[in-house]
C-alpha atoms as a PDB file:
ATOM      1  CA  MET A   1       0.000   0.000   0.000  1.00  0.00           C
ATOM      2  CA  LEU A   2       2.814   2.378   0.835  1.00  0.00           C
ATOM      3  CA  ALA A   3       4.521   1.520  -2.441  1.00  0.00           C
ATOM      4  CA  VAL A   4       1.335   2.393  -4.345  1.00  0.00           C
ATOM      5  CA  ALA A   5       0.904   5.728  -2.559  1.00  0.00           C
ATOM      6  CA  ARG A   6       4.578   6.612  -2.837  1.00  0.00           C
ATOM      7  CA  SER A   7       4.786   5.708  -6.529  1.00  0.00           C
ATOM      8  CA  GLN A   8       1.946   8.133  -7.244  1.00  0.00           C
ATOM      9  CA  GLY A   9       3.382  10.929  -5.120  1.00  0.00           C
ATOM     10  CA  ARG A  10       0.459  10.881  -2.716  1.00  0.00           C
ATOM     11  CA  PRO A  11       0.907  12.384   0.765  1.00  0.00           C
ATOM     12  CA  VAL A  12       1.737   9.732   3.373  1.00  0.00           C
ATOM     13  CA  ALA A  13       1.197  10.179   7.098  1.00  0.00           C
ATOM     14  CA  HIS A  14       2.039   7.824   9.935  1.00  0.00           C
ATOM     15  CA  THR A  15       0.862   7.837  13.540  1.00  0.00           C
ATOM     16  CA  ARG A  16       2.329   6.460  16.711  1.00  0.00           C
ATOM     17  CA  VAL A  17       1.162   6.465  20.295  1.00  0.00           C
ATOM     18  CA  VAL A  18       3.624   8.366  22.472  1.00  0.00           C
ATOM     19  CA  TYR A  19       3.355   9.336  26.143  1.00  0.00           C
ATOM     20  CA  ALA A  20       5.740  11.335  28.304  1.00  0.00           C
ATOM     21  CA  GLU A  21       8.354   9.226  30.097  1.00  0.00           C
ATOM     22  CA  ASP A  22       6.693  10.041  33.433  1.00  0.00           C
ATOM     23  CA  GLY A  23       3.133   9.504  32.118  1.00  0.00           C
ATOM     24  CA  SER A  24       2.209  13.091  33.000  1.00  0.00           C
ATOM     25  CA  ASP A  25       0.239  13.547  29.767  1.00  0.00           C
ATOM     26  CA  ALA A  26      -1.824  10.367  30.181  1.00  0.00           C
ATOM     27  CA  GLY A  27      -5.581  10.410  30.560  1.00  0.00           C
ATOM     28  CA  ALA A  28      -8.530   8.044  30.742  1.00  0.00           C
ATOM     29  CA  PHE A  29      -7.384   6.008  27.719  1.00  0.00           C
ATOM     30  CA  ALA A  30      -4.204   5.034  29.557  1.00  0.00           C
ATOM     31  CA  MET A  31      -6.190   4.374  32.742  1.00  0.00           C
ATOM     32  CA  LYS A  32      -8.221   1.775  30.855  1.00  0.00           C
ATOM     33  CA  VAL A  33      -5.123   0.325  29.183  1.00  0.00           C
ATOM     34  CA  PRO A  34      -2.182   1.044  31.532  1.00  0.00           C
ATOM     35  CA  THR A  35       0.319  -0.725  29.271  1.00  0.00           C
ATOM     36  CA  LEU A  36      -0.007   2.268  26.935  1.00  0.00           C
ATOM     37  CA  LEU A  37       2.157   4.225  29.380  1.00  0.00           C
ATOM     38  CA  GLY A  38       5.105   2.172  28.174  1.00  0.00           C
ATOM     39  CA  LEU A  39       4.746   3.761  24.733  1.00  0.00           C
ATOM     40  CA  THR A  40       7.220   6.595  25.164  1.00  0.00           C
ATOM     41  CA  GLU A  41       9.331   8.442  22.628  1.00  0.00           C
ATOM     42  CA  THR A  42      12.322   6.182  23.278  1.00  0.00           C
ATOM     43  CA  SER A  43      10.479   2.889  23.748  1.00  0.00           C
ATOM     44  CA  PRO A  44      10.996   0.299  21.002  1.00  0.00           C
ATOM     45  CA  LEU A  45       7.316  -0.620  21.516  1.00  0.00           C
ATOM     46  CA  SER A  46       6.224   2.779  20.192  1.00  0.00           C
ATOM     47  CA  ARG A  47       8.475   2.863  17.157  1.00  0.00           C
ATOM     48  CA  ILE A  48       7.159   2.343  13.673  1.00  0.00           C
ATOM     49  CA  VAL A  49       8.353  -1.030  12.416  1.00  0.00           C
ATOM     50  CA  PRO A  50      11.078  -0.867   9.749  1.00  0.00           C
ATOM     51  CA  GLU A  51       8.886  -2.463   7.053  1.00  0.00           C
ATOM     52  CA  VAL A  52       6.628   0.629   7.000  1.00  0.00           C
ATOM     53  CA  ALA A  53       9.098   3.238   8.242  1.00  0.00           C
ATOM     54  CA  PRO A  54       8.500   6.800   7.083  1.00  0.00           C
ATOM     55  CA  LEU A  55      10.576   8.156   4.242  1.00  0.00           C
ATOM     56  CA  PRO A  56      11.827  11.745   4.182  1.00  0.00           C
ATOM     57  CA  GLY A  57       8.893  14.079   3.609  1.00  0.00           C
ATOM     58  CA  GLU A  58       6.329  11.763   5.217  1.00  0.00           C
ATOM     59  CA  ALA A  59       4.733  13.090   8.369  1.00  0.00           C
ATOM     60  CA  VAL A  60       4.661  11.282  11.706  1.00  0.00           C
ATOM     61  CA  PHE A  61       1.941  12.344  14.124  1.00  0.00           C
ATOM     62  CA  ARG A  62       2.217  11.466  17.792  1.00  0.00           C
ATOM     63  CA  LYS A  63      -1.062  10.748  19.527  1.00  0.00           C
ATOM     64  CA  ARG A  64      -2.277   9.840  23.004  1.00  0.00           C
ATOM     65  CA  HIS A  65      -5.787   8.719  22.092  1.00  0.00           C
ATOM     66  CA  ALA A  66      -7.279   6.190  19.705  1.00  0.00           C
ATOM     67  CA  SER A  67      -8.147   8.565  16.863  1.00  0.00           C
ATOM     68  CA  ALA A  68      -5.385   9.964  14.683  1.00  0.00           C
ATOM     69  CA  PHE A  69      -7.410  13.203  14.617  1.00  0.00           C
ATOM     70  CA  PHE A  70      -7.850  13.874  18.320  1.00  0.00           C
ATOM     71  CA  ARG A  71      -5.447  16.610  19.428  1.00  0.00           C
ATOM     72  CA  THR A  72      -3.078  16.143  16.502  1.00  0.00           C
ATOM     73  CA  ASP A  73      -2.448  18.321  13.459  1.00  0.00           C
ATOM     74  CA  ILE A  74      -3.189  15.586  10.943  1.00  0.00           C
ATOM     75  CA  ALA A  75      -6.461  17.146   9.713  1.00  0.00           C
ATOM     76  CA  ALA A  76      -4.732  20.461   8.968  1.00  0.00           C
ATOM     77  CA  TRP A  77      -1.804  18.638   7.351  1.00  0.00           C
ATOM     78  CA  LEU A  78      -4.204  16.734   5.059  1.00  0.00           C
ATOM     79  CA  ALA A  79      -6.281  19.834   4.258  1.00  0.00           C
ATOM     80  CA  PHE A  80      -3.171  21.802   3.275  1.00  0.00           C
ATOM     81  CA  ARG A  81      -2.359  19.017   0.808  1.00  0.00           C
ATOM     82  CA  ARG A  82      -5.940  19.033  -0.514  1.00  0.00           C
ATOM     83  CA  VAL A  83      -6.511  15.437   0.481  1.00  0.00           C
ATOM     84  CA  ASP A  84     -10.168  14.405   0.270  1.00  0.00           C
ATOM     85  CA  THR A  85      -9.847  10.617   0.455  1.00  0.00           C
ATOM     86  CA  LEU A  86      -7.996   8.863   3.242  1.00  0.00           C
ATOM     87  CA  LEU A  87      -6.556   5.390   2.638  1.00  0.00           C
ATOM     88  CA  VAL A  88      -6.398   3.667   6.005  1.00  0.00           C
ATOM     89  CA  ALA A  89      -4.164   0.830   7.188  1.00  0.00           C
ATOM     90  CA  GLY A  90      -3.039  -0.234  10.647  1.00  0.00           C
ATOM     91  CA  CYS A  91      -3.952  -1.871  13.910  1.00  0.00           C
ATOM     92  CA  THR A  92      -6.033  -2.252  15.912  1.00  0.00           C
ATOM     93  CA  ASN A  93      -9.158  -2.356  13.747  1.00  0.00           C
ATOM     94  CA  SER A  94     -11.560  -2.241  16.699  1.00  0.00           C
ATOM     95  CA  GLY A  95      -9.594   0.587  18.350  1.00  0.00           C
ATOM     96  CA  CYS A  96      -7.324   3.126  16.691  1.00  0.00           C
ATOM     97  CA  VAL A  97      -8.286   2.272  13.110  1.00  0.00           C
ATOM     98  CA  ARG A  98     -11.981   2.488  13.893  1.00  0.00           C
ATOM     99  CA  ALA A  99     -11.676   5.724  15.862  1.00  0.00           C
ATOM    100  CA  SER A 100      -9.757   7.364  13.030  1.00  0.00           C
ATOM    101  CA  VAL A 101     -12.175   6.114  10.365  1.00  0.00           C
ATOM    102  CA  VAL A 102     -15.189   7.349  12.352  1.00  0.00           C
ATOM    103  CA  ASP A 103     -13.553  10.771  12.852  1.00  0.00           C
ATOM    104  CA  ALA A 104     -12.420  11.204   9.228  1.00  0.00           C
ATOM    105  CA  PRO A 105     -15.813  12.302   7.796  1.00  0.00           C
ATOM    106  CA  ALA A 106     -16.039  14.987  10.497  1.00  0.00           C
ATOM    107  CA  HIS A 107     -13.029  16.511   8.715  1.00  0.00           C
ATOM    108  CA  ASN A 108     -14.654  16.088   5.279  1.00  0.00           C
ATOM    109  CA  LEU A 109     -12.454  13.136   4.431  1.00  0.00           C
ATOM    110  CA  ARG A 110     -13.734  10.009   2.717  1.00  0.00           C
ATOM    111  CA  PRO A 111     -12.115   7.032   4.464  1.00  0.00           C
ATOM    112  CA  VAL A 112     -11.226   3.943   2.472  1.00  0.00           C
ATOM    113  CA  MET A 113     -10.171   1.003   4.608  1.00  0.00           C
ATOM    114  CA  VAL A 114      -7.715  -1.231   2.828  1.00  0.00           C
ATOM    115  CA  THR A 115      -9.095  -4.465   4.237  1.00  0.00           C
ATOM    116  CA  ASP A 116      -6.006  -6.618   3.859  1.00  0.00           C
ATOM    117  CA  ARG A 117      -3.883  -3.913   5.481  1.00  0.00           C
ATOM    118  CA  VAL A 118      -5.788  -3.655   8.792  1.00  0.00           C
ATOM    119  CA  GLY A 119      -5.798  -6.127  11.647  1.00  0.00           C
ATOM    120  CA  ASP A 120      -6.957  -6.801  15.178  1.00  0.00           C
ATOM    121  CA  ARG A 121      -6.211  -9.005  18.180  1.00  0.00           C
ATOM    122  CA  ALA A 122      -8.868 -11.534  17.157  1.00  0.00           C
ATOM    123  CA  ILE A 123     -10.802 -12.325  13.977  1.00  0.00           C
ATOM    124  CA  GLY A 124     -14.263 -11.737  15.532  1.00  0.00           C
ATOM    125  CA  PRO A 125     -13.771  -8.054  16.406  1.00  0.00           C
ATOM    126  CA  HIS A 126     -11.872  -7.543  13.162  1.00  0.00           C
ATOM    127  CA  GLU A 127     -14.695  -8.861  10.983  1.00  0.00           C
ATOM    128  CA  ALA A 128     -17.409  -7.138  13.026  1.00  0.00           C
ATOM    129  CA  ASN A 129     -15.667  -3.784  12.712  1.00  0.00           C
ATOM    130  CA  LEU A 130     -15.080  -4.198   8.989  1.00  0.00           C
ATOM    131  CA  PHE A 131     -18.767  -4.958   8.539  1.00  0.00           C
ATOM    132  CA  ASP A 132     -19.910  -2.022  10.676  1.00  0.00           C
ATOM    133  CA  MET A 133     -17.515   0.508   9.200  1.00  0.00           C
ATOM    134  CA  GLY A 134     -18.365  -0.606   5.677  1.00  0.00           C
ATOM    135  CA  LYS A 135     -22.051  -0.005   6.386  1.00  0.00           C
ATOM    136  CA  LYS A 136     -21.672   3.376   8.106  1.00  0.00           C
ATOM    137  CA  TYR A 137     -18.362   5.132   7.731  1.00  0.00           C
ATOM    138  CA  ALA A 138     -15.953   3.896   5.073  1.00  0.00           C
ATOM    139  CA  ASP A 139     -15.536   2.250   1.747  1.00  0.00           C
ATOM    140  CA  LEU A 140     -13.850  -1.141   2.026  1.00  0.00           C
ATOM    141  CA  MET A 141     -11.317  -2.209  -0.548  1.00  0.00           C
ATOM    142  CA  SER A 142      -8.539  -4.767  -0.809  1.00  0.00           C
ATOM    143  CA  LEU A 143      -5.076  -3.661  -1.904  1.00  0.00           C
ATOM    144  CA  GLU A 144      -5.703  -5.283  -5.289  1.00  0.00           C
ATOM    145  CA  GLY A 145      -9.009  -3.418  -5.565  1.00  0.00           C
ATOM    146  CA  LEU A 146      -7.235  -0.175  -4.676  1.00  0.00           C
ATOM    147  CA  ARG A 147      -4.641  -0.758  -7.400  1.00  0.00           C
ATOM    148  CA  ALA A 148      -7.368  -1.454  -9.946  1.00  0.00           C
ATOM    149  CA  THR A 149      -9.344   1.646  -8.943  1.00  0.00           C
ATOM    150  CA  LEU A 150      -6.298   3.893  -9.126  1.00  0.00           C
ATOM    151  CA  ALA A 151      -5.382   2.454 -12.529  1.00  0.00           C
ATOM    152  CA  ARG A 152      -8.922   3.100 -13.855  1.00  0.00           C
ATOM    153  CA  ASN A 153      -8.903   6.661 -12.508  1.00  0.00           C
ATOM    154  CA  ALA A 154      -5.522   7.339 -14.126  1.00  0.00           C
ATOM    155  CA  GLN A 155      -6.893   6.607 -17.591  1.00  0.00           C
END
């Protein structure tokens, strides 16, 4: 998916959950899931894995809540680049992915979930969230479907 976006010169943004070393910026989300407090700037657990590491010019937004939009500058960054459709990949489908997809239309973005590029802790929540988001919030498309759509639109 990154290769497709990069080859077409599309803006690419990444997110990562990052809390202060002392947890002073944590809130109710971290109270519910205390292990999140281990996701600090220097923690290997909060780093973006090398396989999808940002390239120069790609933005990385640090967040402390499930949605990529809540208290980050990602909406302004996308608006400045005149983005109207958001291709979404990541984990966890029932958490951060869902929260971001639900928030995207509030910023006049059309979310497209790339179904074989999202995951979850278990297949049940994963499938239930794909179904629900496809009915209410997002278009669902496989990576192959995305490639085909982009190729058709390029003609």
